[in-house]
Amino acid sequence: MEYVYAVTVLIAGLLLGAVAVVTALTYTPYGASTFDTAITALTGITLQLGNLLSISALCAFLFEGLTMAGIHYPIIVPATFAYVVTHITVYYSCLRITDLQAEPLDPDIVIKHNPFRALVLGVPGSLLLIRVRPPSGRR
């Protein structure tokens, strides 16, 4: 019962990340209209909140496992670890989602090995699965 919150938060974070990726894959904001601003805000908020929730839940599982293994630590250790990992993941995810949002559904953006990984890209850090082909079309 004590893991229900962490599992729920993990699932919610993954879903929010998936919403951000699907939004970035399907729509490119072209100007400063209210609609474009709303789509950009939706993408950014869901991506960052999804990463925060997912990483928090994963860190909770990690440090609970360490505690069960008999490794004891002060509370500042998991808090600092989660803070650093969240910020690094959000930073790189935002860079990748910006690249992805610039050219949605562009054939030059390749999702390695499986096109259905677009939904998996909501997982923190998985935006690294995307690579962009060079402009010349070489692979």
N, C-alpha and C. Protein backbone atom coordinates (compact mmCIF):
# COMPACT_ATOMS: atom_id res chain seq x y z
N MET A 1 0.82 -1.20 0.00
CA MET A 1 0.00 0.00 0.00
C MET A 1 0.86 1.26 0.00
N GLU A 2 2.03 1.18 0.60
CA GLU A 2 2.86 2.38 0.71
C GLU A 2 3.46 2.80 -0.63
N TYR A 3 3.45 1.91 -1.62
CA TYR A 3 4.02 2.23 -2.92
C TYR A 3 2.98 2.76 -3.91
N VAL A 4 1.73 2.82 -3.50
CA VAL A 4 0.66 3.26 -4.39
C VAL A 4 0.90 4.68 -4.87
N TYR A 5 1.32 5.57 -3.99
CA TYR A 5 1.56 6.95 -4.38
C TYR A 5 2.69 7.06 -5.38
N ALA A 6 3.77 6.34 -5.13
CA ALA A 6 4.92 6.41 -6.04
C ALA A 6 4.57 5.83 -7.41
N VAL A 7 3.84 4.73 -7.45
CA VAL A 7 3.46 4.14 -8.73
C VAL A 7 2.50 5.06 -9.47
N THR A 8 1.55 5.64 -8.76
CA THR A 8 0.60 6.57 -9.37
C THR A 8 1.31 7.79 -9.93
N VAL A 9 2.25 8.33 -9.18
CA VAL A 9 3.00 9.50 -9.63
C VAL A 9 3.86 9.14 -10.85
N LEU A 10 4.45 7.96 -10.84
CA LEU A 10 5.25 7.52 -11.98
C LEU A 10 4.40 7.42 -13.24
N ILE A 11 3.24 6.81 -13.14
CA ILE A 11 2.35 6.68 -14.30
C ILE A 11 1.87 8.05 -14.77
N ALA A 12 1.51 8.92 -13.84
CA ALA A 12 1.08 10.27 -14.22
C ALA A 12 2.20 11.03 -14.92
N GLY A 13 3.42 10.91 -14.41
CA GLY A 13 4.56 11.57 -15.04
C GLY A 13 4.82 11.06 -16.44
N LEU A 14 4.74 9.76 -16.62
CA LEU A 14 4.94 9.18 -17.95
C LEU A 14 3.86 9.63 -18.92
N LEU A 15 2.62 9.70 -18.45
CA LEU A 15 1.53 10.17 -19.32
C LEU A 15 1.71 11.64 -19.70
N LEU A 16 2.12 12.46 -18.75
CA LEU A 16 2.35 13.88 -19.06
C LEU A 16 3.49 14.04 -20.06
N GLY A 17 4.54 13.26 -19.90
CA GLY A 17 5.64 13.30 -20.86
C GLY A 17 5.19 12.86 -22.24
N ALA A 18 4.35 11.84 -22.30
CA ALA A 18 3.83 11.37 -23.59
C ALA A 18 2.97 12.43 -24.26
N VAL A 19 2.17 13.15 -23.47
CA VAL A 19 1.36 14.24 -24.02
C VAL A 19 2.26 15.32 -24.63
N ALA A 20 3.35 15.64 -23.95
CA ALA A 20 4.27 16.65 -24.46
C ALA A 20 4.89 16.21 -25.78
N VAL A 21 5.31 14.97 -25.86
CA VAL A 21 5.96 14.48 -27.07
C VAL A 21 4.97 14.40 -28.24
N VAL A 22 3.78 13.88 -27.99
CA VAL A 22 2.78 13.79 -29.05
C VAL A 22 2.40 15.19 -29.53
N THR A 23 2.28 16.13 -28.63
CA THR A 23 1.98 17.51 -29.02
C THR A 23 3.09 18.08 -29.87
N ALA A 24 4.33 17.85 -29.49
CA ALA A 24 5.46 18.36 -30.27
C ALA A 24 5.57 17.68 -31.62
N LEU A 25 5.21 16.41 -31.68
CA LEU A 25 5.27 15.69 -32.96
C LEU A 25 4.20 16.15 -33.94
N THR A 26 3.10 16.63 -33.44
CA THR A 26 1.96 16.92 -34.32
C THR A 26 1.74 18.40 -34.62
N TYR A 27 2.37 19.31 -33.90
CA TYR A 27 2.08 20.72 -34.12
C TYR A 27 3.34 21.58 -33.98
N THR A 28 3.51 22.48 -34.90
CA THR A 28 4.59 23.46 -34.83
C THR A 28 3.99 24.83 -34.65
N PRO A 29 4.34 25.55 -33.58
CA PRO A 29 3.86 26.92 -33.44
C PRO A 29 4.57 27.82 -34.45
N TYR A 30 3.80 28.64 -35.16
CA TYR A 30 4.37 29.47 -36.23
C TYR A 30 4.48 30.94 -35.88
N GLY A 31 3.85 31.37 -34.84
CA GLY A 31 3.88 32.81 -34.54
C GLY A 31 3.56 33.08 -33.09
N ALA A 32 3.12 34.28 -32.86
CA ALA A 32 2.83 34.72 -31.50
C ALA A 32 1.34 34.76 -31.23
N SER A 33 0.58 33.92 -31.90
CA SER A 33 -0.86 33.90 -31.66
C SER A 33 -1.15 33.28 -30.30
N THR A 34 -2.34 33.49 -29.83
CA THR A 34 -2.75 32.93 -28.54
C THR A 34 -2.74 31.41 -28.59
N PHE A 35 -3.18 30.84 -29.70
CA PHE A 35 -3.22 29.39 -29.83
C PHE A 35 -1.81 28.80 -29.82
N ASP A 36 -0.89 29.41 -30.57
CA ASP A 36 0.50 28.92 -30.59
C ASP A 36 1.15 29.03 -29.22
N THR A 37 0.87 30.11 -28.53
CA THR A 37 1.41 30.29 -27.19
C THR A 37 0.86 29.23 -26.24
N ALA A 38 -0.42 28.93 -26.37
CA ALA A 38 -1.04 27.91 -25.52
C ALA A 38 -0.46 26.52 -25.80
N ILE A 39 -0.24 26.20 -27.06
CA ILE A 39 0.34 24.90 -27.41
C ILE A 39 1.78 24.79 -26.88
N THR A 40 2.55 25.85 -27.04
CA THR A 40 3.92 25.86 -26.53
C THR A 40 3.93 25.72 -25.01
N ALA A 41 3.04 26.42 -24.34
CA ALA A 41 2.96 26.32 -22.88
C ALA A 41 2.54 24.92 -22.46
N LEU A 42 1.57 24.33 -23.15
CA LEU A 42 1.13 22.98 -22.84
C LEU A 42 2.28 21.99 -22.99
N THR A 43 3.02 22.12 -24.07
CA THR A 43 4.15 21.21 -24.31
C THR A 43 5.20 21.36 -23.21
N GLY A 44 5.58 22.59 -22.89
CA GLY A 44 6.61 22.82 -21.89
C GLY A 44 6.20 22.39 -20.49
N ILE A 45 4.98 22.73 -20.12
CA ILE A 45 4.51 22.40 -18.77
C ILE A 45 4.37 20.90 -18.60
N THR A 46 3.77 20.24 -19.59
CA THR A 46 3.59 18.79 -19.44
C THR A 46 4.93 18.05 -19.47
N LEU A 47 5.87 18.53 -20.28
CA LEU A 47 7.18 17.89 -20.32
C LEU A 47 7.92 18.05 -19.00
N GLN A 48 7.96 19.26 -18.48
CA GLN A 48 8.70 19.49 -17.25
C GLN A 48 8.02 18.84 -16.04
N LEU A 49 6.73 18.95 -15.95
CA LEU A 49 6.01 18.33 -14.84
C LEU A 49 6.09 16.81 -14.92
N GLY A 50 5.98 16.27 -16.13
CA GLY A 50 6.10 14.82 -16.31
C GLY A 50 7.47 14.32 -15.89
N ASN A 51 8.53 15.04 -16.29
CA ASN A 51 9.88 14.64 -15.88
C ASN A 51 10.04 14.73 -14.37
N LEU A 52 9.54 15.79 -13.77
CA LEU A 52 9.64 15.97 -12.32
C LEU A 52 8.96 14.81 -11.58
N LEU A 53 7.74 14.51 -11.98
CA LEU A 53 7.00 13.44 -11.30
C LEU A 53 7.66 12.08 -11.51
N SER A 54 8.05 11.79 -12.74
CA SER A 54 8.66 10.48 -13.04
C SER A 54 9.97 10.29 -12.29
N ILE A 55 10.81 11.29 -12.33
CA ILE A 55 12.11 11.16 -11.67
C ILE A 55 11.95 11.11 -10.15
N SER A 56 11.02 11.85 -9.62
CA SER A 56 10.78 11.78 -8.18
C SER A 56 10.36 10.37 -7.77
N ALA A 57 9.46 9.77 -8.54
CA ALA A 57 9.01 8.41 -8.22
C ALA A 57 10.15 7.41 -8.37
N LEU A 58 10.93 7.53 -9.43
CA LEU A 58 12.05 6.61 -9.64
C LEU A 58 13.10 6.74 -8.53
N CYS A 59 13.35 7.98 -8.10
CA CYS A 59 14.30 8.18 -7.00
C CYS A 59 13.76 7.61 -5.69
N ALA A 60 12.46 7.73 -5.49
CA ALA A 60 11.85 7.14 -4.29
C ALA A 60 12.05 5.62 -4.29
N PHE A 61 11.83 4.98 -5.44
CA PHE A 61 12.05 3.54 -5.52
C PHE A 61 13.52 3.19 -5.31
N LEU A 62 14.40 3.95 -5.92
CA LEU A 62 15.84 3.69 -5.81
C LEU A 62 16.31 3.77 -4.36
N PHE A 63 15.97 4.85 -3.69
CA PHE A 63 16.44 5.03 -2.32
C PHE A 63 15.71 4.15 -1.32
N GLU A 64 14.50 3.75 -1.63
CA GLU A 64 13.82 2.76 -0.78
C GLU A 64 14.53 1.41 -0.90
N GLY A 65 14.95 1.08 -2.13
CA GLY A 65 15.71 -0.15 -2.33
C GLY A 65 17.03 -0.13 -1.59
N LEU A 66 17.70 1.01 -1.60
CA LEU A 66 18.96 1.14 -0.85
C LEU A 66 18.73 0.98 0.64
N THR A 67 17.64 1.54 1.13
CA THR A 67 17.32 1.41 2.55
C THR A 67 17.03 -0.04 2.91
N MET A 68 16.32 -0.74 2.03
CA MET A 68 16.03 -2.15 2.29
C MET A 68 17.31 -2.99 2.25
N ALA A 69 18.29 -2.54 1.48
CA ALA A 69 19.58 -3.25 1.40
C ALA A 69 20.47 -2.94 2.59
N GLY A 70 20.02 -2.04 3.46
CA GLY A 70 20.78 -1.73 4.66
C GLY A 70 21.68 -0.51 4.53
N ILE A 71 21.58 0.21 3.46
CA ILE A 71 22.39 1.42 3.28
C ILE A 71 21.59 2.60 3.81
N HIS A 72 22.15 3.28 4.79
CA HIS A 72 21.46 4.41 5.40
C HIS A 72 22.16 5.71 5.01
N TYR A 73 21.39 6.77 4.88
CA TYR A 73 21.89 8.04 4.39
C TYR A 73 20.99 9.14 4.94
N PRO A 74 21.50 10.36 5.02
CA PRO A 74 20.64 11.48 5.46
C PRO A 74 19.67 11.86 4.34
N ILE A 75 18.61 12.51 4.70
CA ILE A 75 17.55 12.87 3.75
C ILE A 75 18.06 13.80 2.64
N ILE A 76 19.13 14.53 2.91
CA ILE A 76 19.65 15.45 1.91
C ILE A 76 20.20 14.71 0.69
N VAL A 77 20.64 13.47 0.85
CA VAL A 77 21.21 12.70 -0.27
C VAL A 77 20.16 12.42 -1.35
N PRO A 78 19.01 11.79 -1.02
CA PRO A 78 18.03 11.57 -2.09
C PRO A 78 17.45 12.87 -2.64
N ALA A 79 17.28 13.87 -1.77
CA ALA A 79 16.73 15.14 -2.25
C ALA A 79 17.68 15.81 -3.24
N THR A 80 18.97 15.83 -2.93
CA THR A 80 19.95 16.43 -3.84
C THR A 80 20.07 15.63 -5.12
N PHE A 81 20.10 14.30 -5.01
CA PHE A 81 20.19 13.45 -6.18
C PHE A 81 19.00 13.67 -7.11
N ALA A 82 17.80 13.68 -6.56
CA ALA A 82 16.59 13.89 -7.37
C ALA A 82 16.60 15.28 -8.00
N TYR A 83 17.03 16.27 -7.26
CA TYR A 83 17.09 17.65 -7.78
C TYR A 83 18.03 17.74 -8.98
N VAL A 84 19.22 17.19 -8.84
CA VAL A 84 20.21 17.27 -9.91
C VAL A 84 19.75 16.47 -11.14
N VAL A 85 19.29 15.25 -10.93
CA VAL A 85 18.86 14.42 -12.06
C VAL A 85 17.65 15.04 -12.76
N THR A 86 16.72 15.60 -12.00
CA THR A 86 15.56 16.26 -12.60
C THR A 86 15.98 17.43 -13.47
N HIS A 87 16.87 18.27 -12.98
CA HIS A 87 17.27 19.44 -13.76
C HIS A 87 18.05 19.06 -15.01
N ILE A 88 18.90 18.08 -14.91
CA ILE A 88 19.64 17.65 -16.10
C ILE A 88 18.69 17.06 -17.13
N THR A 89 17.77 16.22 -16.69
CA THR A 89 16.82 15.60 -17.61
C THR A 89 15.90 16.63 -18.24
N VAL A 90 15.40 17.56 -17.47
CA VAL A 90 14.52 18.60 -18.01
C VAL A 90 15.27 19.46 -19.02
N TYR A 91 16.52 19.79 -18.73
CA TYR A 91 17.31 20.60 -19.64
C TYR A 91 17.47 19.91 -21.00
N TYR A 92 17.92 18.66 -20.99
CA TYR A 92 18.12 17.95 -22.25
C TYR A 92 16.80 17.62 -22.94
N SER A 93 15.76 17.31 -22.18
CA SER A 93 14.46 17.05 -22.78
C SER A 93 13.91 18.29 -23.46
N CYS A 94 14.09 19.44 -22.84
CA CYS A 94 13.60 20.69 -23.46
C CYS A 94 14.36 21.00 -24.74
N LEU A 95 15.66 20.74 -24.75
CA LEU A 95 16.42 20.94 -25.99
C LEU A 95 15.92 20.02 -27.10
N ARG A 96 15.70 18.76 -26.77
CA ARG A 96 15.26 17.79 -27.77
C ARG A 96 13.84 18.06 -28.23
N ILE A 97 12.96 18.45 -27.31
CA ILE A 97 11.57 18.68 -27.71
C ILE A 97 11.48 19.92 -28.58
N THR A 98 12.37 20.89 -28.35
CA THR A 98 12.40 22.08 -29.20
C THR A 98 12.82 21.70 -30.62
N ASP A 99 13.84 20.83 -30.73
CA ASP A 99 14.25 20.35 -32.06
C ASP A 99 13.12 19.59 -32.73
N LEU A 100 12.44 18.75 -31.97
CA LEU A 100 11.36 17.94 -32.50
C LEU A 100 10.18 18.81 -32.91
N GLN A 101 9.89 19.83 -32.12
CA GLN A 101 8.74 20.68 -32.40
C GLN A 101 8.99 21.59 -33.59
N ALA A 102 10.24 21.84 -33.90
CA ALA A 102 10.55 22.71 -35.04
C ALA A 102 10.09 22.10 -36.35
N GLU A 103 10.14 20.80 -36.47
CA GLU A 103 9.75 20.11 -37.71
C GLU A 103 8.93 18.87 -37.38
N PRO A 104 7.67 19.01 -36.98
CA PRO A 104 6.90 17.81 -36.63
C PRO A 104 6.62 16.95 -37.86
N LEU A 105 6.64 15.67 -37.66
CA LEU A 105 6.36 14.69 -38.70
C LEU A 105 7.26 14.86 -39.92
N ASP A 106 8.43 15.43 -39.72
CA ASP A 106 9.41 15.62 -40.79
C ASP A 106 10.16 14.31 -40.99
N PRO A 107 10.32 13.86 -42.23
CA PRO A 107 11.04 12.60 -42.44
C PRO A 107 12.52 12.68 -42.08
N ASP A 108 13.07 13.88 -41.89
CA ASP A 108 14.46 14.01 -41.49
C ASP A 108 14.65 13.74 -40.01
N ILE A 109 13.58 13.68 -39.25
CA ILE A 109 13.68 13.33 -37.84
C ILE A 109 13.34 11.86 -37.72
N VAL A 110 14.30 11.10 -37.27
CA VAL A 110 14.15 9.65 -37.25
C VAL A 110 14.03 9.20 -35.80
N ILE A 111 13.03 8.42 -35.53
CA ILE A 111 12.93 7.78 -34.23
C ILE A 111 13.51 6.39 -34.43
N LYS A 112 14.64 6.14 -33.81
CA LYS A 112 15.42 4.93 -34.07
C LYS A 112 14.61 3.66 -33.86
N HIS A 113 14.74 2.74 -34.79
CA HIS A 113 14.27 1.36 -34.71
C HIS A 113 12.76 1.17 -34.77
N ASN A 114 11.96 2.08 -34.22
CA ASN A 114 10.55 1.79 -34.11
C ASN A 114 9.75 3.08 -34.05
N PRO A 115 8.87 3.32 -35.01
CA PRO A 115 8.10 4.57 -34.99
C PRO A 115 7.15 4.69 -33.80
N PHE A 116 6.82 3.59 -33.15
CA PHE A 116 5.92 3.65 -32.00
C PHE A 116 6.62 4.15 -30.75
N ARG A 117 7.92 4.39 -30.86
CA ARG A 117 8.64 4.93 -29.71
C ARG A 117 8.26 6.38 -29.43
N ALA A 118 7.50 6.99 -30.31
CA ALA A 118 7.07 8.37 -30.08
C ALA A 118 6.34 8.49 -28.75
N LEU A 119 5.54 7.50 -28.41
CA LEU A 119 4.81 7.54 -27.14
C LEU A 119 5.73 7.27 -25.97
N VAL A 120 6.78 6.49 -26.21
CA VAL A 120 7.72 6.17 -25.15
C VAL A 120 8.61 7.37 -24.85
N LEU A 121 8.66 8.33 -25.76
CA LEU A 121 9.54 9.47 -25.57
C LEU A 121 9.16 10.33 -24.38
N GLY A 122 8.00 10.08 -23.79
CA GLY A 122 7.63 10.80 -22.59
C GLY A 122 8.41 10.35 -21.37
N VAL A 123 9.07 9.20 -21.47
CA VAL A 123 9.88 8.71 -20.36
C VAL A 123 11.07 9.64 -20.20
N PRO A 124 11.39 10.05 -18.98
CA PRO A 124 12.48 11.00 -18.79
C PRO A 124 13.77 10.53 -19.46
N GLY A 125 14.35 11.41 -20.20
CA GLY A 125 15.62 11.12 -20.85
C GLY A 125 15.50 10.38 -22.16
N SER A 126 14.32 9.88 -22.50
CA SER A 126 14.22 9.07 -23.71
C SER A 126 14.18 9.91 -24.98
N LEU A 127 14.10 11.22 -24.85
CA LEU A 127 14.19 12.05 -26.05
C LEU A 127 15.55 11.91 -26.71
N LEU A 128 16.48 11.28 -26.02
CA LEU A 128 17.79 11.01 -26.62
C LEU A 128 17.69 9.95 -27.70
N LEU A 129 16.55 9.26 -27.81
CA LEU A 129 16.36 8.26 -28.84
C LEU A 129 16.21 8.89 -30.23
N ILE A 130 15.92 10.16 -30.25
CA ILE A 130 15.70 10.84 -31.53
C ILE A 130 17.05 11.32 -32.07
N ARG A 131 17.25 11.11 -33.32
CA ARG A 131 18.42 11.70 -33.97
C ARG A 131 17.92 12.44 -35.20
N VAL A 132 18.62 13.46 -35.56
CA VAL A 132 18.24 14.25 -36.73
C VAL A 132 19.26 13.97 -37.81
N ARG A 133 18.77 13.63 -39.00
CA ARG A 133 19.66 13.37 -40.12
C ARG A 133 20.32 14.66 -40.55
N PRO A 134 21.54 14.58 -41.06
CA PRO A 134 22.17 15.76 -41.61
C PRO A 134 21.35 16.29 -42.78
N PRO A 135 21.39 17.59 -43.07
CA PRO A 135 20.59 18.17 -44.13
C PRO A 135 20.83 17.55 -45.51
N SER A 136 22.00 16.97 -45.72
CA SER A 136 22.30 16.40 -47.04
C SER A 136 21.59 15.08 -47.27
N GLY A 137 20.96 14.52 -46.25
CA GLY A 137 20.25 13.27 -46.38
C GLY A 137 21.09 12.05 -46.08
N ARG A 138 22.36 12.25 -45.74
CA ARG A 138 23.23 11.12 -45.37
C ARG A 138 22.80 10.58 -44.03
N ARG A 139 23.09 9.32 -43.79
CA ARG A 139 22.73 8.71 -42.51
C ARG A 139 23.89 8.53 -41.65
